[in-house]
Amino acid sequence: MISIKRVRLSESIVDALKDMIAKGDLQPGERFFSENKLAAMLGVSRASIREAIKILEIAGKVIVLQGKGIFIAPSVVSDPECSPQSQWIQENEKLLLDHFEVRLILEARTARHAAERAATRDLYVLEQAHEAFLKEIPRGSTVTLIGADKIFHQTIAQMAGNRTLFSLMRLMTTSLSEGWMTSLNVPGRGEKSVEEHGAVLDAIRSGDGKRAERAMKRHLANALGDIRKSMVYSRERRR
């Protein structure tokens, strides 16, 4: 499971990369350092760099071209719906829809199992994860919010008592994490997630598997709905 220390590390790496971009006087379109170079410069793993770069890509700070490298993204224009971040969402629509399709199948049933199998200690851990997510909202850091969100969902998977389910969730929160990053970049989604997480937690706490499953489905469907609204609005603005 991701630790709070790990979340802070991710935030520090993203902040360091942003600082390097700002102080490097790099122009839009210029090549940034490679993953290997960045890992050596910051003394962290390539996996940590890769995750940070993915966050910056979705935020519209960099562009990653397969086989060519990492490049500085065009400057954000006055209309946020025409920003590099919005463009990234448009270009990766199928990827995001696939991501949430799998999560709706997998996580809803996982929440049900968690409610039916949770031990008292597990509930305490989930409550702490929920509180950690709640505390990140006022800070305004998308990086730490994403990390706290992953912890909440991974904790539920661990509570389900199925090692295969937990392994799949851990894979999705590490190698296939675009959905987490994208949804929490949508304005207001973090605040909505607090309420939705609370409904999932309450259902699991009460041992109501069916209600936990419905609450998780509603949470994920709402997140996907907000992403879709952002996509539609962006298309209309571009016409």
C-alpha atoms as a PDB file:
ATOM      1  CA  MET A   1       0.000   0.000   0.000  1.00  0.00           C
ATOM      2  CA  ILE A   2       1.145   3.532  -0.765  1.00  0.00           C
ATOM      3  CA  SER A   3       2.328   5.370   2.338  1.00  0.00           C
ATOM      4  CA  ILE A   4       1.849   9.017   3.194  1.00  0.00           C
ATOM      5  CA  LYS A   5       5.628   9.380   2.937  1.00  0.00           C
ATOM      6  CA  ARG A   6       5.414   8.052  -0.635  1.00  0.00           C
ATOM      7  CA  VAL A   7       2.725  10.639  -1.465  1.00  0.00           C
ATOM      8  CA  ARG A   8       4.920  13.445  -0.180  1.00  0.00           C
ATOM      9  CA  LEU A   9       7.815  12.127  -2.261  1.00  0.00           C
ATOM     10  CA  SER A  10       5.683  12.271  -5.414  1.00  0.00           C
ATOM     11  CA  GLU A  11       4.704  15.850  -4.618  1.00  0.00           C
ATOM     12  CA  SER A  12       8.342  16.801  -4.043  1.00  0.00           C
ATOM     13  CA  ILE A  13       9.418  15.282  -7.360  1.00  0.00           C
ATOM     14  CA  VAL A  14       6.686  17.086  -9.301  1.00  0.00           C
ATOM     15  CA  ASP A  15       7.564  20.374  -7.599  1.00  0.00           C
ATOM     16  CA  ALA A  16      11.254  19.835  -8.384  1.00  0.00           C
ATOM     17  CA  LEU A  17      10.514  19.194 -12.065  1.00  0.00           C
ATOM     18  CA  LYS A  18       8.275  22.260 -12.279  1.00  0.00           C
ATOM     19  CA  ASP A  19      11.081  24.310 -10.755  1.00  0.00           C
ATOM     20  CA  MET A  20      13.593  22.907 -13.248  1.00  0.00           C
ATOM     21  CA  ILE A  21      11.298  23.820 -16.145  1.00  0.00           C
ATOM     22  CA  ALA A  22      10.700  27.344 -14.804  1.00  0.00           C
ATOM     23  CA  LYS A  23      14.358  28.077 -14.058  1.00  0.00           C
ATOM     24  CA  GLY A  24      15.724  26.430 -17.168  1.00  0.00           C
ATOM     25  CA  ASP A  25      14.347  29.096 -19.495  1.00  0.00           C
ATOM     26  CA  LEU A  26      13.102  26.304 -21.738  1.00  0.00           C
ATOM     27  CA  GLN A  27      10.850  27.356 -24.580  1.00  0.00           C
ATOM     28  CA  PRO A  28       7.710  25.487 -25.704  1.00  0.00           C
ATOM     29  CA  GLY A  29       8.748  22.599 -27.938  1.00  0.00           C
ATOM     30  CA  GLU A  30      12.258  22.255 -26.481  1.00  0.00           C
ATOM     31  CA  ARG A  31      13.389  18.851 -25.283  1.00  0.00           C
ATOM     32  CA  PHE A  32      13.474  18.263 -21.531  1.00  0.00           C
ATOM     33  CA  PHE A  33      15.850  15.881 -19.743  1.00  0.00           C
ATOM     34  CA  SER A  34      15.379  12.135 -20.187  1.00  0.00           C
ATOM     35  CA  GLU A  35      13.888   9.935 -17.442  1.00  0.00           C
ATOM     36  CA  ASN A  36      17.327   8.453 -16.756  1.00  0.00           C
ATOM     37  CA  LYS A  37      18.922  11.877 -16.448  1.00  0.00           C
ATOM     38  CA  LEU A  38      16.176  13.185 -14.171  1.00  0.00           C
ATOM     39  CA  ALA A  39      16.358  10.103 -11.935  1.00  0.00           C
ATOM     40  CA  ALA A  40      20.109  10.595 -11.548  1.00  0.00           C
ATOM     41  CA  MET A  41      19.788  14.333 -10.915  1.00  0.00           C
ATOM     42  CA  LEU A  42      17.124  13.916  -8.210  1.00  0.00           C
ATOM     43  CA  GLY A  43      18.388  10.640  -6.759  1.00  0.00           C
ATOM     44  CA  VAL A  44      15.080   8.803  -7.162  1.00  0.00           C
ATOM     45  CA  SER A  45      13.879   5.814  -9.169  1.00  0.00           C
ATOM     46  CA  ARG A  46      12.845   5.961 -12.817  1.00  0.00           C
ATOM     47  CA  ALA A  47       9.390   4.748 -11.771  1.00  0.00           C
ATOM     48  CA  SER A  48       8.975   7.826  -9.549  1.00  0.00           C
ATOM     49  CA  ILE A  49      10.119  10.091 -12.384  1.00  0.00           C
ATOM     50  CA  ARG A  50       7.760   8.381 -14.820  1.00  0.00           C
ATOM     51  CA  GLU A  51       4.784   8.954 -12.519  1.00  0.00           C
ATOM     52  CA  ALA A  52       5.720  12.608 -11.991  1.00  0.00           C
ATOM     53  CA  ILE A  53       6.122  13.159 -15.735  1.00  0.00           C
ATOM     54  CA  LYS A  54       2.694  11.610 -16.316  1.00  0.00           C
ATOM     55  CA  ILE A  55       1.176  14.050 -13.811  1.00  0.00           C
ATOM     56  CA  LEU A  56       2.890  16.977 -15.546  1.00  0.00           C
ATOM     57  CA  GLU A  57       1.737  15.724 -18.944  1.00  0.00           C
ATOM     58  CA  ILE A  58      -1.910  15.574 -17.878  1.00  0.00           C
ATOM     59  CA  ALA A  59      -1.532  18.998 -16.256  1.00  0.00           C
ATOM     60  CA  GLY A  60      -0.333  20.332 -19.613  1.00  0.00           C
ATOM     61  CA  LYS A  61       3.238  21.135 -18.566  1.00  0.00           C
ATOM     62  CA  VAL A  62       5.073  18.663 -20.806  1.00  0.00           C
ATOM     63  CA  ILE A  63       4.418  16.502 -23.855  1.00  0.00           C
ATOM     64  CA  VAL A  64       5.775  12.962 -24.071  1.00  0.00           C
ATOM     65  CA  LEU A  65       6.458  11.615 -27.562  1.00  0.00           C
ATOM     66  CA  GLN A  66       7.108   7.884 -27.752  1.00  0.00           C
ATOM     67  CA  GLY A  67      10.651   7.175 -28.867  1.00  0.00           C
ATOM     68  CA  LYS A  68      11.547  10.867 -29.020  1.00  0.00           C
ATOM     69  CA  GLY A  69      11.507  12.127 -25.442  1.00  0.00           C
ATOM     70  CA  ILE A  70       9.915  14.693 -23.150  1.00  0.00           C
ATOM     71  CA  PHE A  71       9.208  18.192 -24.462  1.00  0.00           C
ATOM     72  CA  ILE A  72       8.014  21.437 -22.914  1.00  0.00           C
ATOM     73  CA  ALA A  73       4.331  21.983 -23.712  1.00  0.00           C
ATOM     74  CA  PRO A  74       2.980  25.151 -25.344  1.00  0.00           C
ATOM     75  CA  SER A  75       2.146  27.935 -22.929  1.00  0.00           C
ATOM     76  CA  VAL A  76      -1.333  27.737 -21.414  1.00  0.00           C
ATOM     77  CA  VAL A  77      -3.656  30.139 -23.229  1.00  0.00           C
ATOM     78  CA  SER A  78      -6.223  32.385 -21.590  1.00  0.00           C
ATOM     79  CA  ASP A  79      -9.089  29.940 -22.213  1.00  0.00           C
ATOM     80  CA  PRO A  80      -8.496  26.943 -19.923  1.00  0.00           C
ATOM     81  CA  GLU A  81     -10.637  24.756 -22.164  1.00  0.00           C
ATOM     82  CA  CYS A  82      -8.065  25.184 -24.941  1.00  0.00           C
ATOM     83  CA  SER A  83      -5.130  24.396 -22.666  1.00  0.00           C
ATOM     84  CA  PRO A  84      -2.656  21.523 -23.166  1.00  0.00           C
ATOM     85  CA  GLN A  85      -4.380  19.714 -20.278  1.00  0.00           C
ATOM     86  CA  SER A  86      -7.736  19.860 -22.077  1.00  0.00           C
ATOM     87  CA  GLN A  87      -6.057  18.750 -25.293  1.00  0.00           C
ATOM     88  CA  TRP A  88      -4.498  15.766 -23.514  1.00  0.00           C
ATOM     89  CA  ILE A  89      -7.944  14.672 -22.282  1.00  0.00           C
ATOM     90  CA  GLN A  90      -9.346  14.938 -25.804  1.00  0.00           C
ATOM     91  CA  GLU A  91      -6.515  12.937 -27.335  1.00  0.00           C
ATOM     92  CA  ASN A  92      -6.753  10.198 -24.682  1.00  0.00           C
ATOM     93  CA  GLU A  93     -10.527   9.872 -24.514  1.00  0.00           C
ATOM     94  CA  LYS A  94     -10.573   6.152 -25.392  1.00  0.00           C
ATOM     95  CA  LEU A  95      -7.873   5.408 -22.813  1.00  0.00           C
ATOM     96  CA  LEU A  96      -9.856   7.166 -20.079  1.00  0.00           C
ATOM     97  CA  LEU A  97     -13.142   5.487 -20.999  1.00  0.00           C
ATOM     98  CA  ASP A  98     -11.433   2.081 -20.986  1.00  0.00           C
ATOM     99  CA  HIS A  99      -9.928   2.872 -17.580  1.00  0.00           C
ATOM    100  CA  PHE A 100     -13.262   3.704 -15.971  1.00  0.00           C
ATOM    101  CA  GLU A 101     -15.037   0.797 -17.652  1.00  0.00           C
ATOM    102  CA  VAL A 102     -12.651  -1.591 -15.906  1.00  0.00           C
ATOM    103  CA  ARG A 103     -12.854   0.258 -12.596  1.00  0.00           C
ATOM    104  CA  LEU A 104     -16.655   0.141 -12.638  1.00  0.00           C
ATOM    105  CA  ILE A 105     -16.513  -3.624 -13.103  1.00  0.00           C
ATOM    106  CA  LEU A 106     -13.703  -4.293 -10.667  1.00  0.00           C
ATOM    107  CA  GLU A 107     -14.034  -1.769  -7.852  1.00  0.00           C
ATOM    108  CA  ALA A 108     -17.779  -1.972  -7.318  1.00  0.00           C
ATOM    109  CA  ARG A 109     -17.597  -5.668  -6.473  1.00  0.00           C
ATOM    110  CA  THR A 110     -14.403  -5.078  -4.495  1.00  0.00           C
ATOM    111  CA  ALA A 111     -16.249  -2.588  -2.282  1.00  0.00           C
ATOM    112  CA  ARG A 112     -18.971  -5.155  -1.725  1.00  0.00           C
ATOM    113  CA  HIS A 113     -16.455  -7.792  -0.619  1.00  0.00           C
ATOM    114  CA  ALA A 114     -14.739  -5.247   1.622  1.00  0.00           C
ATOM    115  CA  ALA A 115     -18.013  -4.493   3.414  1.00  0.00           C
ATOM    116  CA  GLU A 116     -18.732  -8.165   3.947  1.00  0.00           C
ATOM    117  CA  ARG A 117     -15.231  -9.164   5.056  1.00  0.00           C
ATOM    118  CA  ALA A 118     -13.741  -6.113   6.779  1.00  0.00           C
ATOM    119  CA  ALA A 119     -12.141  -6.488  10.204  1.00  0.00           C
ATOM    120  CA  THR A 120     -12.191  -3.730  12.834  1.00  0.00           C
ATOM    121  CA  ARG A 121      -8.551  -2.856  12.202  1.00  0.00           C
ATOM    122  CA  ASP A 122      -9.238  -2.598   8.446  1.00  0.00           C
ATOM    123  CA  LEU A 123     -12.013  -0.096   9.101  1.00  0.00           C
ATOM    124  CA  TYR A 124      -9.678   2.072  11.133  1.00  0.00           C
ATOM    125  CA  VAL A 125      -7.154   2.118   8.278  1.00  0.00           C
ATOM    126  CA  LEU A 126      -9.868   3.069   5.773  1.00  0.00           C
ATOM    127  CA  GLU A 127     -11.131   5.847   8.046  1.00  0.00           C
ATOM    128  CA  GLN A 128      -7.596   7.221   8.282  1.00  0.00           C
ATOM    129  CA  ALA A 129      -7.266   7.086   4.491  1.00  0.00           C
ATOM    130  CA  HIS A 130     -10.528   9.004   4.137  1.00  0.00           C
ATOM    131  CA  GLU A 131      -9.344  11.639   6.624  1.00  0.00           C
ATOM    132  CA  ALA A 132      -6.025  11.981   4.770  1.00  0.00           C
ATOM    133  CA  PHE A 133      -7.874  12.642   1.505  1.00  0.00           C
ATOM    134  CA  LEU A 134     -10.150  15.172   3.219  1.00  0.00           C
ATOM    135  CA  LYS A 135      -7.183  17.080   4.650  1.00  0.00           C
ATOM    136  CA  GLU A 136      -5.572  17.411   1.211  1.00  0.00           C
ATOM    137  CA  ILE A 137      -8.520  19.360  -0.274  1.00  0.00           C
ATOM    138  CA  PRO A 138      -7.680  22.775   1.289  1.00  0.00           C
ATOM    139  CA  ARG A 139      -4.004  22.408   0.362  1.00  0.00           C
ATOM    140  CA  GLY A 140      -4.852  22.560  -3.338  1.00  0.00           C
ATOM    141  CA  SER A 141      -2.147  20.102  -4.373  1.00  0.00           C
ATOM    142  CA  THR A 142      -3.431  17.760  -7.071  1.00  0.00           C
ATOM    143  CA  VAL A 143      -0.362  15.559  -6.631  1.00  0.00           C
ATOM    144  CA  THR A 144      -0.992  14.715  -2.981  1.00  0.00           C
ATOM    145  CA  LEU A 145      -4.740  14.474  -3.603  1.00  0.00           C
ATOM    146  CA  ILE A 146      -4.103  11.832  -6.269  1.00  0.00           C
ATOM    147  CA  GLY A 147      -1.852   9.947  -3.865  1.00  0.00           C
ATOM    148  CA  ALA A 148      -4.425  10.076  -1.062  1.00  0.00           C
ATOM    149  CA  ASP A 149      -7.141   8.905  -3.466  1.00  0.00           C
ATOM    150  CA  LYS A 150      -5.041   5.915  -4.502  1.00  0.00           C
ATOM    151  CA  ILE A 151      -4.503   5.003  -0.846  1.00  0.00           C
ATOM    152  CA  PHE A 152      -8.262   5.053  -0.187  1.00  0.00           C
ATOM    153  CA  HIS A 153      -9.058   2.765  -3.128  1.00  0.00           C
ATOM    154  CA  GLN A 154      -6.128   0.435  -2.488  1.00  0.00           C
ATOM    155  CA  THR A 155      -7.183   0.090   1.148  1.00  0.00           C
ATOM    156  CA  ILE A 156     -10.637  -1.064   0.068  1.00  0.00           C
ATOM    157  CA  ALA A 157      -9.052  -3.619  -2.264  1.00  0.00           C
ATOM    158  CA  GLN A 158      -6.909  -4.919   0.582  1.00  0.00           C
ATOM    159  CA  MET A 159      -9.967  -5.197   2.824  1.00  0.00           C
ATOM    160  CA  ALA A 160     -11.678  -7.443   0.256  1.00  0.00           C
ATOM    161  CA  GLY A 161      -9.316 -10.243   1.302  1.00  0.00           C
ATOM    162  CA  ASN A 162      -8.519 -11.312  -2.255  1.00  0.00           C
ATOM    163  CA  ARG A 163      -4.843 -11.137  -3.233  1.00  0.00           C
ATOM    164  CA  THR A 164      -5.609 -11.136  -6.953  1.00  0.00           C
ATOM    165  CA  LEU A 165      -8.009  -8.213  -6.624  1.00  0.00           C
ATOM    166  CA  PHE A 166      -5.475  -6.298  -4.567  1.00  0.00           C
ATOM    167  CA  SER A 167      -2.717  -6.985  -7.113  1.00  0.00           C
ATOM    168  CA  LEU A 168      -4.937  -5.723  -9.932  1.00  0.00           C
ATOM    169  CA  MET A 169      -5.771  -2.567  -8.002  1.00  0.00           C
ATOM    170  CA  ARG A 170      -2.126  -1.946  -7.204  1.00  0.00           C
ATOM    171  CA  LEU A 171      -1.316  -2.300 -10.917  1.00  0.00           C
ATOM    172  CA  MET A 172      -4.035   0.177 -11.849  1.00  0.00           C
ATOM    173  CA  THR A 173      -2.878   2.756  -9.312  1.00  0.00           C
ATOM    174  CA  THR A 174       0.727   2.568 -10.477  1.00  0.00           C
ATOM    175  CA  SER A 175       1.078   1.591 -14.142  1.00  0.00           C
ATOM    176  CA  LEU A 176      -2.451   2.593 -15.232  1.00  0.00           C
ATOM    177  CA  SER A 177      -3.064   5.700 -13.170  1.00  0.00           C
ATOM    178  CA  GLU A 178      -4.260   8.173 -15.839  1.00  0.00           C
ATOM    179  CA  GLY A 179      -7.860   7.990 -14.643  1.00  0.00           C
ATOM    180  CA  TRP A 180      -6.970   9.079 -11.122  1.00  0.00           C
ATOM    181  CA  MET A 181      -4.801  11.912 -12.402  1.00  0.00           C
ATOM    182  CA  THR A 182      -7.331  13.145 -14.953  1.00  0.00           C
ATOM    183  CA  SER A 183     -10.469  13.095 -12.823  1.00  0.00           C
ATOM    184  CA  LEU A 184      -8.839  14.978  -9.941  1.00  0.00           C
ATOM    185  CA  ASN A 185      -7.614  17.644 -12.354  1.00  0.00           C
ATOM    186  CA  VAL A 186     -11.265  18.462 -13.140  1.00  0.00           C
ATOM    187  CA  PRO A 187     -12.307  21.492 -11.023  1.00  0.00           C
ATOM    188  CA  GLY A 188     -14.460  20.524  -8.055  1.00  0.00           C
ATOM    189  CA  ARG A 189     -13.968  16.787  -8.413  1.00  0.00           C
ATOM    190  CA  GLY A 190     -11.924  16.501  -5.219  1.00  0.00           C
ATOM    191  CA  GLU A 191     -14.705  18.027  -3.118  1.00  0.00           C
ATOM    192  CA  LYS A 192     -17.271  15.719  -4.710  1.00  0.00           C
ATOM    193  CA  SER A 193     -15.044  12.718  -4.084  1.00  0.00           C
ATOM    194  CA  VAL A 194     -14.922  13.496  -0.360  1.00  0.00           C
ATOM    195  CA  GLU A 195     -18.703  13.078  -0.114  1.00  0.00           C
ATOM    196  CA  GLU A 196     -18.705   9.998  -2.351  1.00  0.00           C
ATOM    197  CA  HIS A 197     -15.844   8.384  -0.436  1.00  0.00           C
ATOM    198  CA  GLY A 198     -17.810   9.048   2.740  1.00  0.00           C
ATOM    199  CA  ALA A 199     -20.810   7.148   1.357  1.00  0.00           C
ATOM    200  CA  VAL A 200     -18.591   4.184   0.445  1.00  0.00           C
ATOM    201  CA  LEU A 201     -16.947   4.245   3.868  1.00  0.00           C
ATOM    202  CA  ASP A 202     -20.294   4.402   5.666  1.00  0.00           C
ATOM    203  CA  ALA A 203     -21.613   1.401   3.716  1.00  0.00           C
ATOM    204  CA  ILE A 204     -18.479  -0.636   4.414  1.00  0.00           C
ATOM    205  CA  ARG A 205     -18.550   0.352   8.084  1.00  0.00           C
ATOM    206  CA  SER A 206     -22.140  -0.900   8.350  1.00  0.00           C
ATOM    207  CA  GLY A 207     -21.269  -4.179   6.621  1.00  0.00           C
ATOM    208  CA  ASP A 208     -23.788  -3.521   3.841  1.00  0.00           C
ATOM    209  CA  GLY A 209     -22.207  -5.057   0.757  1.00  0.00           C
ATOM    210  CA  LYS A 210     -24.955  -4.096  -1.699  1.00  0.00           C
ATOM    211  CA  ARG A 211     -24.917  -0.472  -0.559  1.00  0.00           C
ATOM    212  CA  ALA A 212     -21.114  -0.352  -0.737  1.00  0.00           C
ATOM    213  CA  GLU A 213     -21.244  -1.646  -4.299  1.00  0.00           C
ATOM    214  CA  ARG A 214     -23.842   0.964  -5.295  1.00  0.00           C
ATOM    215  CA  ALA A 215     -21.897   3.765  -3.611  1.00  0.00           C
ATOM    216  CA  MET A 216     -18.685   2.834  -5.415  1.00  0.00           C
ATOM    217  CA  LYS A 217     -20.487   2.614  -8.761  1.00  0.00           C
ATOM    218  CA  ARG A 218     -21.998   6.046  -8.166  1.00  0.00           C
ATOM    219  CA  HIS A 219     -18.601   7.505  -7.230  1.00  0.00           C
ATOM    220  CA  LEU A 220     -16.852   6.194 -10.346  1.00  0.00           C
ATOM    221  CA  ALA A 221     -19.769   7.041 -12.652  1.00  0.00           C
ATOM    222  CA  ASN A 222     -19.802  10.605 -11.322  1.00  0.00           C
ATOM    223  CA  ALA A 223     -16.045  10.975 -11.866  1.00  0.00           C
ATOM    224  CA  LEU A 224     -16.387   9.694 -15.429  1.00  0.00           C
ATOM    225  CA  GLY A 225     -19.359  11.981 -15.971  1.00  0.00           C
ATOM    226  CA  ASP A 226     -17.332  15.028 -14.946  1.00  0.00           C
ATOM    227  CA  ILE A 227     -14.552  14.056 -17.349  1.00  0.00           C
ATOM    228  CA  ARG A 228     -17.080  13.617 -20.170  1.00  0.00           C
ATOM    229  CA  LYS A 229     -18.627  17.018 -19.454  1.00  0.00           C
ATOM    230  CA  SER A 230     -15.161  18.544 -19.662  1.00  0.00           C
ATOM    231  CA  MET A 231     -14.611  16.810 -23.017  1.00  0.00           C
ATOM    232  CA  VAL A 232     -17.957  18.002 -24.441  1.00  0.00           C
ATOM    233  CA  TYR A 233     -17.445  21.567 -23.249  1.00  0.00           C
ATOM    234  CA  SER A 234     -13.972  21.647 -24.733  1.00  0.00           C
ATOM    235  CA  ARG A 235     -15.238  20.424 -28.131  1.00  0.00           C
ATOM    236  CA  GLU A 236     -17.951  23.062 -28.187  1.00  0.00           C
ATOM    237  CA  ARG A 237     -15.460  25.803 -27.322  1.00  0.00           C
ATOM    238  CA  ARG A 238     -13.218  24.723 -30.183  1.00  0.00           C
ATOM    239  CA  ARG A 239     -15.935  24.991 -32.822  1.00  0.00           C
END
